[in-house]
Amino acid sequence: LPQAGFQGKGPVQEVMSAPVVSVLMPMKNAAKTVGAALDSLSRQDLEQHEVIVVDDGSSDDTVQIARAAGAEVLETGRGGNPAAARNRGAAEASGDPLVFLDADCKVTQGWLDAIVAAHDQGHSIVAGAIGLPPGLSVTARCDYYCGWYLAHPRRPAGYVPHAPAPHVSVRREPFMRSSRFEELPYAIASEERLWQAELREQGHRIYFEPAAVALHHNRPGLGNLLRRSYRWGYGSIESKNRTGAARFKWIYRYPRLLILFGVPLAFAHTGFILFCWLRVGVLEPLAMSPLVLAARLVYSIGMMRGGLEWLRRGPTTGDTSHVQES
């Protein structure tokens, strides 16, 4: 490959014809998951694909494990920003479509075929499903339920207003003409919303494909659950107000109301999450409702603080919020 990866089920190749797909994997301190992630990619049936791994400043054995799995590792040169890692990978990629997949995801058999089939049907952007792997701790499972209640494999196929960055595929040409992933100061959340809003404004639609399943290994520990919730909340008002790339996007046109009613909204958000899982027959989140509520309260604290700081900066609101929701 030009830089990194493997082709189909074989080992790393030095020379390769233009790949059908480029899989782009940012990673930071993913020593516990990156080996399994790369192994699952090597087992996909589609013969022509490349995997480009970009390290984002790991301080553990992530890079060594990735290289032992046969991947040549690129570096962002800065660290701490997965958007920069995704953009670096895209700049080095030669395939079409570009599939962005996090290093804590292990894909299931047929995953790549399902993504390519969805693109072959004419969909420019494909959102894959995010599944729950076995063996996670209680807090890690709660983190999964809090984060992926609208992107799980039991959700029906169809058009959606947003595709999460850890598992999304996009045709090369429209993505490379977009502003790409935003390298935001709050790092892990919402960096994908601007380019998706830009492409939707141009007439592209986001198609959710439940057959393309990546199992997401959320990190254990109450601290991880709460920190992740806070960071997701911190950038939510700014990113969703600016781009309109969100469900219930109308509510983000009123940031002051969201800040004022942040705590009551945490209770409403908890109820909505539980409802989403109950209607597809998943009962475990109900038993975790105190943890889910704690995570949503911390999310609301992050949302209120991030929203206030954004308003103090004097935001330019609604620049792409007119994008119509599918």
Protein backbone atom coordinates (compact mmCIF):
# COMPACT_ATOMS: atom_id res chain seq x y z
CA LEU A 1 0.00 0.00 0.00
CA PRO A 2 1.07 3.61 -0.40
CA GLN A 3 1.23 4.07 3.37
CA ALA A 4 -0.46 1.46 5.49
CA GLY A 5 -2.90 -1.40 5.75
CA PHE A 6 -3.71 -4.80 4.31
CA GLN A 7 -5.58 -6.08 1.30
CA GLY A 8 -8.49 -8.48 1.76
CA LYS A 9 -7.50 -11.53 3.80
CA GLY A 10 -3.83 -11.43 2.90
CA PRO A 11 -0.81 -9.75 4.56
CA VAL A 12 0.42 -6.22 4.00
CA GLN A 13 1.05 -5.51 0.33
CA GLU A 14 3.71 -3.12 -0.96
CA VAL A 15 2.05 -2.72 -4.35
CA MET A 16 -1.67 -2.69 -4.91
CA SER A 17 -4.08 -1.56 -7.58
CA ALA A 18 -6.63 1.09 -6.69
CA PRO A 19 -8.60 -0.36 -3.75
CA VAL A 20 -12.35 -0.57 -3.73
CA VAL A 21 -12.53 0.78 -0.18
CA SER A 22 -10.26 2.71 2.17
CA VAL A 23 -10.84 1.99 5.87
CA LEU A 24 -9.43 4.83 7.98
CA MET A 25 -8.78 4.15 11.65
CA PRO A 26 -7.72 6.85 14.14
CA MET A 27 -6.35 5.51 17.40
CA LYS A 28 -5.06 6.76 20.71
CA ASN A 29 -4.19 4.52 23.67
CA ALA A 30 -6.21 1.69 22.11
CA ALA A 31 -3.84 -1.13 23.07
CA LYS A 32 -6.70 -3.26 24.43
CA THR A 33 -8.80 -3.10 21.27
CA VAL A 34 -6.76 -2.23 18.16
CA GLY A 35 -5.43 -5.76 17.62
CA ALA A 36 -8.91 -7.27 17.52
CA ALA A 37 -10.15 -4.37 15.36
CA LEU A 38 -7.46 -4.95 12.74
CA ASP A 39 -7.96 -8.72 12.84
CA SER A 40 -11.69 -8.31 12.18
CA LEU A 41 -10.94 -6.08 9.19
CA SER A 42 -8.53 -8.63 7.72
CA ARG A 43 -11.34 -11.22 7.73
CA GLN A 44 -13.74 -9.27 5.54
CA ASP A 45 -14.79 -11.01 2.31
CA LEU A 46 -14.35 -8.05 -0.02
CA GLU A 47 -11.00 -8.66 -1.69
CA GLN A 48 -9.80 -5.14 -2.42
CA HIS A 49 -9.56 -2.79 0.53
CA GLU A 50 -6.85 -0.89 2.34
CA VAL A 51 -6.61 -0.05 6.02
CA ILE A 52 -4.87 3.17 7.02
CA VAL A 53 -4.10 3.50 10.72
CA VAL A 54 -3.32 6.95 12.15
CA ASP A 55 -1.95 7.33 15.67
CA ASP A 56 -3.08 10.38 17.61
CA GLY A 57 -0.38 10.53 20.25
CA SER A 58 -0.64 7.18 22.05
CA SER A 59 1.39 6.73 25.22
CA ASP A 60 0.78 2.96 25.58
CA ASP A 61 1.56 0.00 23.30
CA THR A 62 -1.05 0.88 20.67
CA VAL A 63 1.44 1.60 17.89
CA GLN A 64 3.48 -1.55 18.53
CA ILE A 65 0.36 -3.72 18.56
CA ALA A 66 -0.90 -2.20 15.32
CA ARG A 67 2.45 -2.79 13.63
CA ALA A 68 2.56 -6.37 14.91
CA ALA A 69 -0.84 -6.88 13.26
CA GLY A 70 0.68 -5.86 9.92
CA ALA A 71 -0.25 -2.18 9.81
CA GLU A 72 2.13 0.65 9.06
CA VAL A 73 1.20 3.55 11.31
CA LEU A 74 0.92 7.20 10.33
CA GLU A 75 1.02 10.00 12.92
CA THR A 76 -0.87 13.28 13.16
CA GLY A 77 2.08 15.17 14.59
CA ARG A 78 -0.03 16.72 17.32
CA GLY A 79 -2.11 14.29 19.37
CA GLY A 80 -5.38 14.58 21.23
CA ASN A 81 -7.65 15.25 18.27
CA PRO A 82 -9.28 12.33 16.42
CA ALA A 83 -10.61 14.69 13.73
CA ALA A 84 -7.03 15.48 12.72
CA ALA A 85 -6.26 11.77 12.59
CA ARG A 86 -9.27 11.08 10.37
CA ASN A 87 -8.34 13.92 8.03
CA ARG A 88 -4.74 12.70 7.82
CA GLY A 89 -5.94 9.23 6.92
CA ALA A 90 -8.28 10.58 4.25
CA ALA A 91 -5.44 12.61 2.70
CA GLU A 92 -3.38 9.42 2.31
CA ALA A 93 -6.21 7.19 1.12
CA SER A 94 -6.59 6.05 -2.48
CA GLY A 95 -9.93 4.25 -2.28
CA ASP A 96 -13.60 5.07 -2.72
CA PRO A 97 -15.61 5.08 -0.49
CA LEU A 98 -13.78 6.27 2.63
CA VAL A 99 -14.87 4.30 5.70
CA PHE A 100 -14.09 5.89 9.07
CA LEU A 101 -13.93 3.35 11.88
CA ASP A 102 -12.62 3.81 15.42
CA ALA A 103 -9.99 1.52 16.90
CA ASP A 104 -12.34 0.37 19.66
CA CYS A 105 -14.70 -1.18 17.09
CA LYS A 106 -14.63 -4.81 15.96
CA VAL A 107 -16.57 -5.37 12.75
CA THR A 108 -18.77 -8.39 12.12
CA GLN A 109 -18.67 -10.71 9.11
CA GLY A 110 -20.22 -9.12 6.04
CA TRP A 111 -19.73 -5.61 7.37
CA LEU A 112 -17.78 -4.29 4.40
CA ASP A 113 -20.04 -5.99 1.86
CA ALA A 114 -23.07 -4.29 3.45
CA ILE A 115 -21.42 -0.85 3.26
CA VAL A 116 -20.39 -1.29 -0.37
CA ALA A 117 -23.85 -2.58 -1.29
CA ALA A 118 -25.46 0.51 0.26
CA HIS A 119 -23.14 2.79 -1.71
CA ASP A 120 -23.84 0.81 -4.89
CA GLN A 121 -27.52 1.61 -4.38
CA GLY A 122 -26.62 5.29 -4.79
CA HIS A 123 -26.18 6.43 -1.18
CA SER A 124 -23.33 8.94 -0.77
CA ILE A 125 -23.12 8.62 3.02
CA VAL A 126 -23.71 5.36 4.86
CA ALA A 127 -24.11 5.20 8.64
CA GLY A 128 -23.27 1.76 9.97
CA ALA A 129 -24.86 0.19 13.05
CA ILE A 130 -23.03 0.20 16.37
CA GLY A 131 -23.51 -3.02 18.33
CA LEU A 132 -22.86 -4.06 21.92
CA PRO A 133 -20.04 -6.61 22.29
CA PRO A 134 -20.14 -9.29 24.99
CA GLY A 135 -18.17 -9.04 28.22
CA LEU A 136 -18.34 -5.30 28.92
CA SER A 137 -18.59 -4.00 32.47
CA VAL A 138 -21.80 -2.44 33.78
CA THR A 139 -20.50 1.10 33.32
CA ALA A 140 -19.23 0.35 29.80
CA ARG A 141 -22.60 -1.13 28.84
CA CYS A 142 -24.34 1.93 30.27
CA ASP A 143 -22.03 4.13 28.21
CA TYR A 144 -23.05 2.15 25.14
CA TYR A 145 -26.76 2.51 25.91
CA CYS A 146 -26.37 6.25 26.51
CA GLY A 147 -24.47 6.84 23.28
CA TRP A 148 -25.90 4.55 20.64
CA TYR A 149 -29.65 4.38 21.29
CA LEU A 150 -30.33 5.70 17.78
CA ALA A 151 -27.60 3.79 15.91
CA HIS A 152 -27.97 0.15 17.02
CA PRO A 153 -28.48 -2.91 14.75
CA ARG A 154 -32.17 -3.25 15.64
CA ARG A 155 -32.97 0.12 14.12
CA PRO A 156 -34.57 -0.22 10.66
CA ALA A 157 -32.73 0.86 7.54
CA GLY A 158 -33.53 4.30 6.20
CA TYR A 159 -32.48 7.92 5.98
CA VAL A 160 -31.20 9.71 9.08
CA PRO A 161 -30.03 13.30 9.73
CA HIS A 162 -26.69 12.36 11.27
CA ALA A 163 -24.06 9.60 11.27
CA PRO A 164 -21.68 9.24 14.26
CA ALA A 165 -17.98 9.67 13.48
CA PRO A 166 -16.84 6.30 14.94
CA HIS A 167 -18.61 4.39 12.13
CA VAL A 168 -19.48 6.22 8.93
CA SER A 169 -18.68 5.77 5.24
CA VAL A 170 -18.73 8.45 2.55
CA ARG A 171 -17.97 8.59 -1.14
CA ARG A 172 -14.57 10.05 -1.77
CA GLU A 173 -15.33 12.92 -4.15
CA PRO A 174 -18.01 14.77 -2.12
CA PHE A 175 -16.08 14.29 1.13
CA MET A 176 -12.84 15.67 -0.31
CA ARG A 177 -14.74 18.74 -1.54
CA SER A 178 -16.19 19.34 1.93
CA SER A 179 -14.56 21.04 4.90
CA ARG A 180 -13.92 17.51 6.31
CA PHE A 181 -13.79 16.77 10.04
CA GLU A 182 -13.63 19.84 12.27
CA GLU A 183 -10.58 19.84 14.51
CA LEU A 184 -12.52 21.12 17.50
CA PRO A 185 -11.09 21.98 20.93
CA TYR A 186 -13.54 19.65 22.66
CA ALA A 187 -11.94 16.79 20.74
CA ILE A 188 -14.19 13.74 20.81
CA ALA A 189 -17.64 14.96 19.87
CA SER A 190 -19.45 16.51 16.90
CA GLU A 191 -16.46 16.85 14.58
CA GLU A 192 -18.43 15.13 11.79
CA ARG A 193 -21.52 17.33 11.82
CA LEU A 194 -20.31 20.20 9.62
CA TRP A 195 -19.24 18.16 6.59
CA GLN A 196 -22.41 16.08 6.84
CA ALA A 197 -24.51 19.25 6.90
CA GLU A 198 -22.60 20.59 3.89
CA LEU A 199 -23.20 17.42 1.90
CA ARG A 200 -26.87 17.28 2.87
CA GLU A 201 -27.24 20.88 1.72
CA GLN A 202 -25.88 19.75 -1.66
CA GLY A 203 -28.57 17.07 -1.91
CA HIS A 204 -26.73 14.08 -0.46
CA ARG A 205 -28.57 11.97 2.11
CA ILE A 206 -27.35 9.81 4.97
CA TYR A 207 -28.52 6.21 4.79
CA PHE A 208 -28.51 4.00 7.88
CA GLU A 209 -27.54 0.37 7.10
CA PRO A 210 -28.20 -1.96 10.06
CA ALA A 211 -26.47 -4.92 8.36
CA ALA A 212 -23.10 -3.13 8.60
CA VAL A 213 -22.39 -3.81 12.28
CA ALA A 214 -19.36 -2.67 14.26
CA LEU A 215 -19.20 -3.76 17.91
CA HIS A 216 -18.12 -0.79 20.00
CA HIS A 217 -15.97 -1.52 23.07
CA ASN A 218 -16.84 1.34 25.41
CA ARG A 219 -14.27 1.83 28.13
CA PRO A 220 -15.11 0.67 31.66
CA GLY A 221 -15.32 2.79 34.79
CA LEU A 222 -17.69 5.39 36.16
CA GLY A 223 -15.12 8.12 35.49
CA ASN A 224 -14.97 7.22 31.79
CA LEU A 225 -18.77 7.20 31.56
CA LEU A 226 -19.10 10.65 33.14
CA ARG A 227 -16.16 12.24 31.30
CA ARG A 228 -17.45 11.01 27.97
CA SER A 229 -20.96 12.28 28.76
CA TYR A 230 -19.60 15.70 29.72
CA ARG A 231 -17.55 16.05 26.53
CA TRP A 232 -20.47 14.99 24.35
CA GLY A 233 -22.62 17.60 26.06
CA TYR A 234 -20.03 20.37 25.95
CA GLY A 235 -20.11 20.84 22.20
CA SER A 236 -23.70 19.82 21.56
CA ILE A 237 -25.39 23.23 21.45
CA GLU A 238 -22.74 24.89 19.32
CA SER A 239 -22.36 22.10 16.77
CA LYS A 240 -26.06 21.31 16.39
CA ASN A 241 -27.09 24.96 16.23
CA ARG A 242 -24.49 25.71 13.56
CA THR A 243 -25.11 22.67 11.38
CA GLY A 244 -28.64 21.43 11.99
CA ALA A 245 -27.19 17.89 11.70
CA ALA A 246 -29.22 16.44 14.55
CA ARG A 247 -32.51 14.84 15.43
CA PHE A 248 -34.93 17.34 17.01
CA LYS A 249 -32.76 20.02 15.42
CA TRP A 250 -35.38 22.73 15.97
CA ILE A 251 -34.70 22.80 19.71
CA TYR A 252 -31.06 23.82 19.13
CA ARG A 253 -32.24 27.06 17.55
CA TYR A 254 -33.01 28.20 21.12
CA PRO A 255 -29.70 27.75 22.97
CA ARG A 256 -30.64 29.94 25.92
CA LEU A 257 -33.70 27.80 26.63
CA LEU A 258 -31.55 24.66 26.50
CA ILE A 259 -29.15 26.20 29.00
CA LEU A 260 -31.95 27.40 31.27
CA PHE A 261 -33.73 24.05 31.33
CA GLY A 262 -30.66 21.83 31.15
CA VAL A 263 -31.36 19.89 34.34
CA PRO A 264 -35.04 19.10 33.61
CA LEU A 265 -34.00 18.09 30.10
CA ALA A 266 -31.67 15.49 31.60
CA PHE A 267 -34.68 13.69 33.03
CA ALA A 268 -36.54 13.93 29.72
CA HIS A 269 -33.44 12.71 27.85
CA THR A 270 -33.14 9.75 30.21
CA GLY A 271 -36.77 8.81 29.56
CA PHE A 272 -36.24 9.06 25.80
CA ILE A 273 -33.17 6.81 25.91
CA LEU A 274 -35.00 4.18 27.94
CA PHE A 275 -37.98 4.37 25.58
CA CYS A 276 -35.75 3.87 22.52
CA TRP A 277 -34.32 0.66 23.98
CA LEU A 278 -37.60 -0.66 25.37
CA ARG A 279 -39.39 -0.34 22.04
CA VAL A 280 -36.83 -2.69 20.43
CA GLY A 281 -37.02 -5.17 23.32
CA VAL A 282 -33.79 -4.29 25.15
CA LEU A 283 -34.59 -4.23 28.86
CA GLU A 284 -31.19 -3.89 30.55
CA PRO A 285 -31.05 -0.06 30.33
CA LEU A 286 -34.16 0.09 32.51
CA ALA A 287 -32.25 -1.63 35.33
CA MET A 288 -29.44 0.91 34.78
CA SER A 289 -31.74 3.94 34.90
CA PRO A 290 -29.94 5.61 37.87
CA LEU A 291 -26.63 5.38 35.97
CA VAL A 292 -28.25 6.60 32.77
CA LEU A 293 -29.71 9.58 34.65
CA ALA A 294 -26.34 10.37 36.23
CA ALA A 295 -24.71 10.35 32.79
CA ARG A 296 -27.43 12.60 31.36
CA LEU A 297 -27.10 15.05 34.24
CA VAL A 298 -23.36 15.32 33.59
CA TYR A 299 -24.13 15.67 29.87
CA SER A 300 -26.44 18.58 30.72
CA ILE A 301 -23.77 20.24 32.86
CA GLY A 302 -21.37 20.00 29.93
CA MET A 303 -24.06 21.27 27.57
CA MET A 304 -24.82 24.28 29.75
CA ARG A 305 -21.19 25.22 30.26
CA GLY A 306 -20.26 24.74 26.61
CA GLY A 307 -23.34 26.64 25.49
CA LEU A 308 -22.60 29.58 27.79
CA GLU A 309 -19.01 29.80 26.60
CA TRP A 310 -20.15 29.67 23.00
CA LEU A 311 -22.68 32.47 23.56
CA ARG A 312 -20.02 34.59 25.26
CA ARG A 313 -17.85 34.27 22.15
CA GLY A 314 -20.66 35.80 20.11
CA PRO A 315 -21.70 32.91 17.85
CA THR A 316 -22.80 33.17 14.27
CA THR A 317 -25.91 31.07 14.49
CA GLY A 318 -27.83 29.12 11.93
CA ASP A 319 -25.22 29.21 9.13
CA THR A 320 -26.26 25.73 7.93
CA SER A 321 -29.25 25.13 10.17
CA HIS A 322 -31.62 25.47 7.23
CA VAL A 323 -30.59 22.00 6.02
CA GLN A 324 -33.78 19.97 5.85
CA GLU A 325 -34.12 16.92 8.08
CA SER A 326 -34.87 13.69 6.23
